[in-house]
Amino acid sequence: MNPESGGSPTGAAHVTAAADGAGLVFTWAEGARIQVRDLGGEVVVEANAAGLRTLAGHLLALAGDGVPDGAHLHLEDSNGLDEGSVGLVLERSDAE
């Protein structure tokens, strides 16, 4: 973890997760900073350029061919988000 940015992994970190047998790789761009704030009626995702690329990569991994419905990634202030962030779950849902 990178102490300067809370829970964001240091460098180009890779996390592999299994979802119903499908291996998903989530990558953090070097220097990524991502903060999620709940303002009551809306949620703000604030990130630097590396953080935005990181989030885009996470979404593309979940959108990949063969990724099952319900596959998801939990991000928290101790796991991928800046300190003080509210939790964020990115989840694939193919239901209509």
Protein backbone atom coordinates (compact mmCIF):
# COMPACT_ATOMS: atom_id res chain seq x y z
CA MET A 1 0.00 0.00 0.00
CA ASN A 2 1.12 3.53 -0.67
CA PRO A 3 1.13 5.56 2.56
CA GLU A 4 0.93 8.88 0.71
CA SER A 5 -2.37 8.00 -0.92
CA GLY A 6 -4.05 5.80 1.67
CA GLY A 7 -5.04 2.39 0.38
CA SER A 8 -3.84 2.62 -3.21
CA PRO A 9 -1.30 -0.07 -4.09
CA THR A 10 2.26 1.10 -4.80
CA GLY A 11 3.49 1.05 -8.37
CA ALA A 12 1.82 -1.00 -11.05
CA ALA A 13 0.17 -3.55 -8.76
CA HIS A 14 -1.83 -6.47 -10.11
CA VAL A 15 -4.58 -8.28 -8.25
CA THR A 16 -6.01 -11.52 -9.61
CA ALA A 17 -9.49 -12.48 -8.46
CA ALA A 18 -11.50 -15.57 -9.28
CA ALA A 19 -15.19 -15.18 -10.08
CA ASP A 20 -16.98 -18.45 -10.78
CA GLY A 21 -13.78 -19.90 -12.20
CA ALA A 22 -12.90 -16.85 -14.33
CA GLY A 23 -9.59 -15.27 -13.38
CA LEU A 24 -9.80 -11.48 -13.45
CA VAL A 25 -6.71 -9.27 -13.26
CA PHE A 26 -7.12 -5.79 -11.80
CA THR A 27 -4.17 -3.43 -12.28
CA TRP A 28 -3.37 -0.15 -10.54
CA ALA A 29 -1.42 2.39 -12.59
CA GLU A 30 1.64 3.79 -10.83
CA GLY A 31 0.74 6.82 -8.73
CA ALA A 32 -3.02 6.17 -8.91
CA ARG A 33 -5.09 8.15 -6.43
CA ILE A 34 -8.82 7.49 -6.13
CA GLN A 35 -11.18 8.96 -3.58
CA VAL A 36 -14.91 8.24 -3.29
CA ARG A 37 -17.15 10.58 -1.30
CA ASP A 38 -20.83 10.26 -0.42
CA LEU A 39 -22.43 13.71 -0.48
CA GLY A 40 -25.88 12.49 0.52
CA GLY A 41 -27.73 12.74 -2.79
CA GLU A 42 -24.76 11.91 -5.00
CA VAL A 43 -21.46 10.06 -5.01
CA VAL A 44 -18.27 11.76 -6.19
CA VAL A 45 -15.40 9.72 -7.59
CA GLU A 46 -12.32 11.95 -7.65
CA ALA A 47 -9.10 10.66 -9.16
CA ASN A 48 -5.91 11.78 -10.81
CA ALA A 49 -5.18 10.66 -14.40
CA ALA A 50 -3.55 7.42 -13.22
CA GLY A 51 -6.53 6.73 -10.96
CA LEU A 52 -8.98 7.28 -13.81
CA ARG A 53 -6.97 4.88 -16.02
CA THR A 54 -7.01 2.39 -13.15
CA LEU A 55 -10.81 2.60 -12.78
CA ALA A 56 -11.25 2.30 -16.54
CA GLY A 57 -9.11 -0.84 -16.52
CA HIS A 58 -11.14 -2.34 -13.67
CA LEU A 59 -14.37 -1.71 -15.60
CA LEU A 60 -12.91 -3.18 -18.80
CA ALA A 61 -11.80 -6.30 -16.89
CA LEU A 62 -15.35 -6.78 -15.59
CA ALA A 63 -16.78 -6.17 -19.08
CA GLY A 64 -14.55 -8.82 -20.68
CA ASP A 65 -15.83 -11.83 -22.59
CA GLY A 66 -16.53 -14.80 -20.37
CA VAL A 67 -16.76 -12.80 -17.15
CA PRO A 68 -19.82 -14.10 -15.30
CA ASP A 69 -22.79 -12.09 -14.10
CA GLY A 70 -22.18 -10.97 -10.52
CA ALA A 71 -18.39 -10.72 -10.81
CA HIS A 72 -17.31 -7.76 -8.72
CA LEU A 73 -14.48 -5.84 -7.09
CA HIS A 74 -14.65 -4.20 -3.65
CA LEU A 75 -12.64 -1.01 -3.21
CA GLU A 76 -12.26 0.56 0.24
CA ASP A 77 -10.01 3.09 1.93
CA SER A 78 -7.77 0.22 3.02
CA ASN A 79 -7.98 -1.52 -0.36
CA GLY A 80 -7.42 0.61 -3.45
CA LEU A 81 -8.95 3.94 -2.41
CA ASP A 82 -7.54 6.98 -0.63
CA GLU A 83 -7.93 7.15 3.13
CA GLY A 84 -11.34 8.45 4.18
CA SER A 85 -13.13 7.18 1.08
CA VAL A 86 -16.46 5.40 1.28
CA GLY A 87 -16.53 1.89 -0.12
CA LEU A 88 -17.18 1.32 -3.80
CA VAL A 89 -18.23 -1.93 -5.43
CA LEU A 90 -17.87 -2.41 -9.18
CA GLU A 91 -20.14 -5.26 -10.24
CA ARG A 92 -21.13 -6.82 -13.54
CA SER A 93 -24.86 -7.31 -13.97
CA ASP A 94 -26.14 -8.71 -17.24
CA ALA A 95 -29.74 -8.95 -16.03
CA GLU A 96 -32.21 -6.89 -18.01
